[in-house]
N, C-alpha and C. Protein backbone atom coordinates (compact mmCIF):
# COMPACT_ATOMS: atom_id res chain seq x y z
N MET A 1 -10.70 -4.60 -12.66
CA MET A 1 -9.77 -5.37 -12.18
C MET A 1 -11.00 -6.08 -10.98
N LYS A 2 -10.89 -7.44 -11.29
CA LYS A 2 -11.83 -8.19 -9.99
C LYS A 2 -10.84 -9.26 -9.63
N ASN A 3 -11.59 -9.71 -8.24
CA ASN A 3 -11.14 -11.06 -7.77
C ASN A 3 -12.33 -11.73 -7.96
N ALA A 4 -12.45 -13.08 -6.95
CA ALA A 4 -13.49 -13.97 -7.39
C ALA A 4 -14.96 -13.41 -6.97
N SER A 5 -14.97 -12.31 -6.14
CA SER A 5 -16.06 -11.81 -5.46
C SER A 5 -16.47 -10.21 -5.71
N SER A 6 -15.62 -9.73 -5.99
CA SER A 6 -15.87 -8.18 -6.17
C SER A 6 -14.69 -7.40 -6.95
N GLN A 7 -15.17 -6.07 -7.56
CA GLN A 7 -14.05 -5.60 -7.86
C GLN A 7 -12.90 -4.91 -6.91
N VAL A 8 -11.73 -5.09 -7.28
CA VAL A 8 -10.64 -4.67 -6.42
C VAL A 8 -10.01 -3.38 -6.73
N GLY A 9 -9.98 -2.71 -8.29
CA GLY A 9 -9.35 -1.92 -8.60
C GLY A 9 -9.87 -1.37 -9.85
N ARG A 10 -9.62 -0.21 -10.57
CA ARG A 10 -9.85 0.18 -11.71
C ARG A 10 -9.07 1.56 -12.29
N ILE A 11 -9.08 1.50 -13.31
CA ILE A 11 -8.44 2.91 -13.90
C ILE A 11 -9.58 3.68 -14.46
N GLU A 12 -9.43 5.15 -13.75
CA GLU A 12 -10.46 6.03 -14.46
C GLU A 12 -9.72 7.20 -15.40
N HIS A 13 -10.42 7.66 -15.81
CA HIS A 13 -9.68 8.87 -16.39
C HIS A 13 -10.70 9.85 -17.31
N ASP A 14 -10.31 11.13 -17.51
CA ASP A 14 -11.08 12.27 -18.08
C ASP A 14 -10.08 12.89 -19.12
N ASN A 15 -10.54 13.53 -19.62
CA ASN A 15 -9.99 14.61 -20.49
C ASN A 15 -8.32 15.14 -19.94
N THR A 16 -8.31 15.20 -18.55
CA THR A 16 -7.01 15.91 -18.13
C THR A 16 -6.25 14.87 -17.19
N SER A 17 -6.66 13.68 -16.70
CA SER A 17 -6.02 13.15 -15.84
C SER A 17 -6.48 11.58 -15.92
N ALA A 18 -5.72 10.96 -15.01
CA ALA A 18 -5.87 9.19 -14.78
C ALA A 18 -5.63 8.98 -13.42
N ALA A 19 -6.48 7.90 -13.30
CA ALA A 19 -6.17 7.57 -11.61
C ALA A 19 -6.38 6.05 -11.77
N LEU A 20 -5.49 5.29 -10.68
CA LEU A 20 -5.38 3.90 -10.45
C LEU A 20 -6.33 4.04 -9.35
N VAL A 21 -7.56 3.36 -9.27
CA VAL A 21 -8.29 3.43 -7.92
C VAL A 21 -8.23 2.29 -7.30
N SER A 22 -7.89 1.81 -6.13
CA SER A 22 -7.74 0.57 -5.46
C SER A 22 -9.05 0.55 -4.73
N GLY A 23 -9.83 -0.62 -4.55
CA GLY A 23 -11.00 -0.98 -3.86
C GLY A 23 -10.70 -0.58 -2.22
N SER A 24 -11.67 0.14 -1.76
CA SER A 24 -11.40 0.50 -0.42
C SER A 24 -12.73 0.70 0.50
N ASP A 25 -13.71 -0.01 -0.15
CA ASP A 25 -15.14 0.12 0.36
C ASP A 25 -15.19 -0.88 1.73
N TYR A 26 -15.77 -0.19 2.62
CA TYR A 26 -15.57 -0.93 4.35
C TYR A 26 -16.13 -2.09 4.16
N ARG A 27 -17.14 -2.66 3.20
CA ARG A 27 -17.58 -3.84 3.05
C ARG A 27 -16.64 -4.67 2.59
N LEU A 28 -15.31 -4.61 1.99
CA LEU A 28 -14.45 -5.39 1.66
C LEU A 28 -13.33 -5.72 2.71
N LYS A 29 -13.61 -5.21 3.74
CA LYS A 29 -12.51 -5.27 4.79
C LYS A 29 -12.86 -5.56 6.04
N GLU A 30 -12.10 -6.13 7.10
CA GLU A 30 -12.33 -6.58 8.24
C GLU A 30 -11.23 -6.34 9.41
N ASN A 31 -11.31 -6.42 10.45
CA ASN A 31 -10.14 -6.46 11.59
C ASN A 31 -9.50 -4.89 11.35
N VAL A 32 -10.31 -4.04 11.26
CA VAL A 32 -10.12 -2.54 10.83
C VAL A 32 -9.79 -1.95 12.29
N SER A 33 -8.48 -1.42 12.48
CA SER A 33 -7.87 -0.51 13.66
C SER A 33 -7.51 0.75 13.24
N TYR A 34 -7.39 1.44 14.00
CA TYR A 34 -7.09 2.75 13.94
C TYR A 34 -5.79 2.91 15.03
N GLU A 35 -5.90 2.10 15.64
CA GLU A 35 -4.62 2.10 16.92
C GLU A 35 -3.34 1.51 16.39
N PHE A 36 -2.52 2.29 15.91
CA PHE A 36 -1.14 1.93 15.62
C PHE A 36 0.00 3.00 15.50
N ASP A 37 0.98 2.77 15.56
CA ASP A 37 2.15 3.83 15.89
C ASP A 37 2.81 4.17 14.41
N ALA A 38 2.20 4.95 13.58
CA ALA A 38 2.71 5.57 12.54
C ALA A 38 4.04 6.51 12.63
N THR A 39 4.15 7.21 13.52
CA THR A 39 5.30 7.87 13.42
C THR A 39 6.71 6.92 13.65
N THR A 40 6.81 5.74 14.68
CA THR A 40 7.87 5.02 14.62
C THR A 40 8.08 4.75 13.27
N ARG A 41 7.04 4.05 12.64
CA ARG A 41 7.41 3.44 11.17
C ARG A 41 7.85 4.48 10.38
N LEU A 42 7.01 5.66 10.35
CA LEU A 42 7.67 6.81 9.26
C LEU A 42 9.14 7.01 9.65
N LYS A 43 9.68 7.11 10.80
CA LYS A 43 10.73 7.47 10.85
C LYS A 43 11.93 6.52 10.51
N GLN A 44 11.40 5.38 10.23
CA GLN A 44 12.46 4.38 9.69
C GLN A 44 12.44 4.50 8.20
N LEU A 45 11.70 4.99 7.65
CA LEU A 45 11.78 5.36 5.94
C LEU A 45 13.04 6.14 5.70
N LYS A 46 13.63 5.92 4.60
CA LYS A 46 14.77 6.68 4.36
C LYS A 46 14.71 7.44 2.88
N PRO A 47 13.79 8.66 2.89
CA PRO A 47 13.69 9.06 1.65
C PRO A 47 15.39 9.28 1.19
N CYS A 48 15.32 9.50 -0.33
CA CYS A 48 16.55 9.87 -0.64
C CYS A 48 16.42 10.28 -1.92
N ARG A 49 17.63 11.34 -2.49
CA ARG A 49 17.53 11.89 -3.78
C ARG A 49 18.26 10.85 -4.79
N PHE A 50 18.11 10.67 -6.18
CA PHE A 50 18.76 9.79 -7.02
C PHE A 50 18.58 10.43 -8.42
N ASN A 51 19.17 10.00 -9.32
CA ASN A 51 19.19 9.81 -10.76
C ASN A 51 18.74 8.44 -11.34
N TRP A 52 17.83 8.37 -12.54
CA TRP A 52 17.46 7.25 -12.78
C TRP A 52 18.90 6.85 -13.91
N ILE A 53 19.79 5.84 -13.95
CA ILE A 53 20.55 5.05 -14.80
C ILE A 53 20.34 5.54 -16.18
N ALA A 54 19.09 5.06 -16.70
CA ALA A 54 18.48 5.33 -18.11
C ALA A 54 18.35 6.85 -18.35
N ASP A 55 18.32 7.52 -17.59
CA ASP A 55 17.82 8.85 -17.68
C ASP A 55 19.19 9.67 -18.29
N GLU A 56 19.21 10.09 -19.52
CA GLU A 56 20.28 10.76 -20.27
C GLU A 56 20.46 12.07 -19.65
N LYS A 57 19.26 12.74 -19.22
CA LYS A 57 19.39 14.06 -18.59
C LYS A 57 19.80 14.33 -17.23
N ASN A 58 20.17 13.34 -16.51
CA ASN A 58 20.71 13.15 -15.21
C ASN A 58 19.69 13.88 -14.22
N THR A 59 18.36 13.74 -14.40
CA THR A 59 17.41 14.50 -13.64
C THR A 59 17.77 13.97 -12.18
N THR A 60 17.73 14.84 -11.19
CA THR A 60 17.61 14.27 -9.83
C THR A 60 16.26 14.12 -9.33
N ILE A 61 15.70 13.07 -8.68
CA ILE A 61 14.36 13.18 -8.18
C ILE A 61 14.50 12.68 -6.98
N ASP A 62 13.19 12.72 -6.03
CA ASP A 62 13.20 12.53 -4.66
C ASP A 62 12.40 10.94 -4.64
N GLY A 63 12.83 10.02 -3.68
CA GLY A 63 11.81 8.94 -3.55
C GLY A 63 12.80 7.89 -2.74
N PHE A 64 12.49 6.48 -3.14
CA PHE A 64 12.90 5.68 -2.08
C PHE A 64 13.54 4.54 -2.91
N ILE A 65 14.21 3.76 -1.94
CA ILE A 65 14.58 2.52 -2.53
C ILE A 65 13.77 1.46 -2.27
N ALA A 66 13.20 0.45 -3.09
CA ALA A 66 12.15 -0.53 -2.64
C ALA A 66 12.26 -1.19 -1.85
N HIS A 67 13.73 -2.26 -1.72
CA HIS A 67 14.06 -2.85 -0.42
C HIS A 67 14.19 -2.44 0.83
N GLU A 68 14.42 -1.02 0.70
CA GLU A 68 14.58 -0.35 2.00
C GLU A 68 13.04 -0.27 2.98
N VAL A 69 12.25 -0.08 1.92
CA VAL A 69 10.73 0.09 2.18
C VAL A 69 10.11 -1.04 2.97
N SER A 70 10.65 -2.24 1.92
CA SER A 70 9.73 -3.45 2.00
C SER A 70 9.80 -3.80 3.52
N SER A 71 10.77 -3.84 4.58
CA SER A 71 10.23 -4.17 5.85
C SER A 71 9.42 -3.30 6.81
N ILE A 72 9.20 -2.34 6.06
CA ILE A 72 8.40 -0.90 6.76
C ILE A 72 7.05 -0.98 6.62
N VAL A 73 7.04 -0.80 5.03
CA VAL A 73 5.70 -0.90 4.62
C VAL A 73 5.69 -1.93 3.54
N PRO A 74 5.54 -3.20 3.87
CA PRO A 74 5.69 -4.22 2.88
C PRO A 74 4.55 -4.07 1.62
N GLU A 75 3.43 -3.50 1.80
CA GLU A 75 2.31 -3.61 0.72
C GLU A 75 2.52 -2.75 -0.09
N ALA A 76 3.53 -1.78 0.22
CA ALA A 76 4.08 -0.70 -0.90
C ALA A 76 4.93 -1.42 -1.86
N VAL A 77 5.68 -2.51 -1.70
CA VAL A 77 6.64 -3.01 -2.39
C VAL A 77 6.30 -4.51 -3.24
N SER A 78 6.55 -4.19 -4.24
CA SER A 78 6.36 -5.43 -5.30
C SER A 78 7.78 -6.12 -5.59
N GLY A 79 7.77 -7.30 -6.17
CA GLY A 79 8.95 -7.76 -6.29
C GLY A 79 10.06 -8.12 -5.23
N GLU A 80 11.05 -9.14 -5.83
CA GLU A 80 11.85 -9.64 -4.68
C GLU A 80 13.39 -8.86 -5.00
N LYS A 81 13.93 -8.71 -3.90
CA LYS A 81 15.30 -7.71 -3.88
C LYS A 81 16.53 -8.79 -4.58
N ASP A 82 17.24 -7.83 -5.72
CA ASP A 82 18.13 -8.77 -6.48
C ASP A 82 17.64 -9.62 -7.50
N ALA A 83 16.26 -9.66 -8.00
CA ALA A 83 16.03 -10.90 -8.58
C ALA A 83 16.04 -10.43 -9.96
N LEU A 84 16.30 -11.82 -10.55
CA LEU A 84 16.54 -11.50 -12.17
C LEU A 84 15.79 -12.40 -13.11
N GLU A 85 15.74 -12.04 -14.11
CA GLU A 85 14.76 -12.85 -15.27
C GLU A 85 15.28 -14.18 -15.54
N VAL A 86 14.53 -15.17 -15.49
CA VAL A 86 14.94 -16.59 -15.63
C VAL A 86 13.92 -17.04 -16.69
N TRP A 87 14.52 -18.13 -17.44
CA TRP A 87 13.93 -19.07 -18.25
C TRP A 87 12.68 -19.74 -17.55
N LYS A 88 11.34 -19.67 -18.08
CA LYS A 88 10.34 -20.52 -17.24
C LYS A 88 9.95 -21.53 -18.42
N SER A 89 9.38 -22.69 -17.73
CA SER A 89 8.41 -23.63 -18.24
C SER A 89 7.58 -23.46 -19.35
N GLY A 90 7.43 -23.74 -20.67
CA GLY A 90 6.69 -23.20 -21.54
C GLY A 90 6.99 -22.33 -22.25
N GLU A 91 8.17 -21.62 -22.25
CA GLU A 91 8.79 -20.64 -23.02
C GLU A 91 9.90 -21.54 -23.91
N GLU A 92 10.19 -20.81 -25.07
CA GLU A 92 10.90 -21.58 -26.24
C GLU A 92 12.28 -21.11 -25.83
N LEU A 93 12.85 -22.25 -25.37
CA LEU A 93 14.21 -22.03 -24.81
C LEU A 93 15.46 -22.18 -25.97
N PRO A 94 16.37 -21.09 -25.84
CA PRO A 94 17.51 -21.12 -26.82
C PRO A 94 18.47 -22.66 -26.69
N ASP A 95 18.94 -22.84 -27.61
CA ASP A 95 19.95 -24.02 -27.38
C ASP A 95 21.18 -23.82 -26.15
N GLY A 96 20.92 -24.82 -25.32
CA GLY A 96 22.05 -25.02 -24.33
C GLY A 96 21.41 -24.23 -23.09
N VAL A 97 20.14 -23.79 -22.90
CA VAL A 97 19.61 -23.13 -22.07
C VAL A 97 18.37 -24.11 -21.36
N SER A 98 18.55 -23.97 -19.95
CA SER A 98 17.57 -24.79 -19.11
C SER A 98 16.26 -23.77 -18.45
N VAL A 99 15.23 -24.42 -18.14
CA VAL A 99 14.21 -23.73 -17.17
C VAL A 99 15.22 -23.26 -15.86
N GLY A 100 14.94 -22.10 -15.43
CA GLY A 100 15.76 -21.75 -14.40
C GLY A 100 16.88 -20.99 -14.35
N ASP A 101 17.59 -21.15 -15.86
CA ASP A 101 18.67 -20.37 -15.94
C ASP A 101 18.40 -18.83 -16.31
N ASN A 102 19.83 -18.02 -15.82
CA ASN A 102 19.03 -16.49 -15.95
C ASN A 102 18.87 -16.10 -17.29
N LYS A 103 18.13 -15.25 -17.68
CA LYS A 103 18.15 -14.45 -19.14
C LYS A 103 19.49 -13.65 -19.30
N LEU A 104 19.80 -13.41 -20.47
CA LEU A 104 20.82 -12.70 -20.72
C LEU A 104 20.39 -11.51 -22.02
N ASP A 105 21.11 -10.36 -21.77
CA ASP A 105 20.71 -9.19 -23.00
C ASP A 105 21.54 -9.54 -23.95
N GLU A 106 21.47 -8.84 -25.02
CA GLU A 106 22.36 -9.08 -26.08
C GLU A 106 23.80 -8.78 -25.72
N ASP A 107 24.02 -8.26 -24.91
CA ASP A 107 25.36 -8.14 -24.39
C ASP A 107 25.80 -9.41 -23.32
N GLY A 108 24.96 -10.20 -23.13
CA GLY A 108 25.76 -11.09 -22.28
C GLY A 108 25.43 -11.16 -20.83
N LYS A 109 24.84 -9.83 -20.39
CA LYS A 109 24.62 -9.57 -18.85
C LYS A 109 23.11 -10.11 -18.73
N THR A 110 23.26 -10.38 -17.22
CA THR A 110 21.80 -10.84 -16.61
C THR A 110 21.07 -9.71 -16.90
N ILE A 111 19.86 -9.91 -16.78
CA ILE A 111 18.46 -9.14 -17.03
C ILE A 111 18.02 -9.02 -15.60
N ILE A 112 17.92 -7.96 -15.11
CA ILE A 112 17.05 -7.70 -13.62
C ILE A 112 15.71 -7.84 -14.26
N ASN A 113 15.12 -8.03 -12.63
CA ASN A 113 13.67 -8.24 -12.40
C ASN A 113 13.39 -7.45 -11.17
N PRO A 114 13.43 -5.85 -11.56
CA PRO A 114 13.61 -4.95 -10.49
C PRO A 114 12.24 -4.90 -9.97
N GLN A 115 12.29 -4.55 -8.52
CA GLN A 115 11.37 -4.32 -7.57
C GLN A 115 10.57 -2.86 -7.94
N GLY A 116 9.33 -2.84 -7.40
CA GLY A 116 8.79 -1.49 -7.75
C GLY A 116 8.18 -0.90 -6.55
N ILE A 117 7.67 0.25 -6.42
CA ILE A 117 7.03 0.46 -5.26
C ILE A 117 5.57 1.33 -5.61
N ASP A 118 4.65 1.10 -4.66
CA ASP A 118 3.66 1.84 -4.98
C ASP A 118 3.54 3.07 -4.05
N GLN A 119 3.98 4.44 -4.16
CA GLN A 119 4.02 5.28 -3.25
C GLN A 119 2.69 5.70 -2.45
N ALA A 120 1.87 5.50 -3.54
CA ALA A 120 0.32 5.94 -2.80
C ALA A 120 0.26 4.99 -1.64
N LYS A 121 0.93 3.80 -1.45
CA LYS A 121 0.68 3.04 -0.23
C LYS A 121 1.11 3.79 0.94
N LEU A 122 2.01 4.69 0.83
CA LEU A 122 2.65 5.29 2.02
C LEU A 122 1.64 6.45 2.58
N VAL A 123 0.49 6.85 1.88
CA VAL A 123 -0.18 8.01 2.11
C VAL A 123 -0.93 7.55 3.40
N PRO A 124 -1.38 6.65 3.90
CA PRO A 124 -1.96 6.24 5.16
C PRO A 124 -1.01 6.52 6.36
N LEU A 125 -0.04 6.05 6.05
CA LEU A 125 1.18 6.40 7.26
C LEU A 125 1.43 7.66 7.26
N LEU A 126 1.65 8.47 6.36
CA LEU A 126 1.88 9.84 6.42
C LEU A 126 0.69 10.63 7.01
N VAL A 127 -0.60 10.42 6.74
CA VAL A 127 -1.74 11.02 7.31
C VAL A 127 -1.79 10.82 8.83
N LYS A 128 -1.70 9.31 9.17
CA LYS A 128 -1.45 8.98 10.50
C LYS A 128 -0.55 9.83 11.27
N THR A 129 0.58 9.72 10.79
CA THR A 129 1.72 10.64 11.71
C THR A 129 1.40 12.02 11.52
N ILE A 130 0.80 12.71 10.78
CA ILE A 130 0.37 14.13 10.74
C ILE A 130 -0.64 14.02 12.34
N GLN A 131 -1.56 13.15 12.23
CA GLN A 131 -2.58 13.02 13.49
C GLN A 131 -1.95 12.75 14.57
N GLU A 132 -0.86 12.33 14.52
CA GLU A 132 -0.27 11.81 15.93
C GLU A 132 0.61 13.17 16.32
N LEU A 133 1.40 13.75 15.27
CA LEU A 133 1.99 14.85 15.89
C LEU A 133 0.99 16.02 16.25
N GLU A 134 0.13 16.26 15.61
CA GLU A 134 -1.07 17.26 15.87
C GLU A 134 -1.34 17.12 17.07
N ALA A 135 -1.75 15.86 17.89
CA ALA A 135 -2.14 15.52 18.75
C ALA A 135 -1.06 15.92 20.18
N ARG A 136 0.12 15.45 19.92
CA ARG A 136 1.31 15.77 20.43
C ARG A 136 1.37 17.09 20.93
N ILE A 137 1.41 18.06 19.61
CA ILE A 137 1.27 19.60 19.69
C ILE A 137 0.36 20.08 20.49
N SER A 138 -0.82 19.41 20.37
CA SER A 138 -2.00 20.05 21.18
C SER A 138 -1.92 20.08 22.62
N ALA A 139 -1.43 18.60 22.81
CA ALA A 139 -1.09 18.34 24.35
C ALA A 139 0.00 19.24 25.03
N LEU A 140 1.00 19.59 24.31
CA LEU A 140 1.87 20.38 24.54
C LEU A 140 1.50 21.71 24.85
N GLU A 141 0.23 22.06 24.07
CA GLU A 141 0.09 23.64 23.80
C GLU A 141 -0.83 23.39 24.95
N GLY A 142 -1.70 22.49 25.50
CA GLY A 142 -2.83 22.63 26.43
C GLY A 142 -2.08 22.53 27.85
């Protein structure tokens, strides 16, 4: 995956694993700062346990609700809260439908355009928080 001037990401794989690799080379960055309060931001996150509606096994997993993360780590969230699929210009429109109208499924229900979250974008915040906590522990022990 490339932008106008450089590679921004790629998918790498071997016989046992796959990885989505984002560009992270220092030559691609500017205004780098190591001074920010990760602990305060991390404490705002609300991890939760939930079941996917479409999962017939009712398997409970740990995760986040995208819109709850969007104000804390916006780069981790894609899409808009409560967005719906709509008919766009250039699509073949059914009779009685206009551009901008909500798309409906076979049962006549609106089709959601769900938000997503890249949980890997939370890792720098987690690491920085651990470093901040380690510094506080060392100061208390010293």
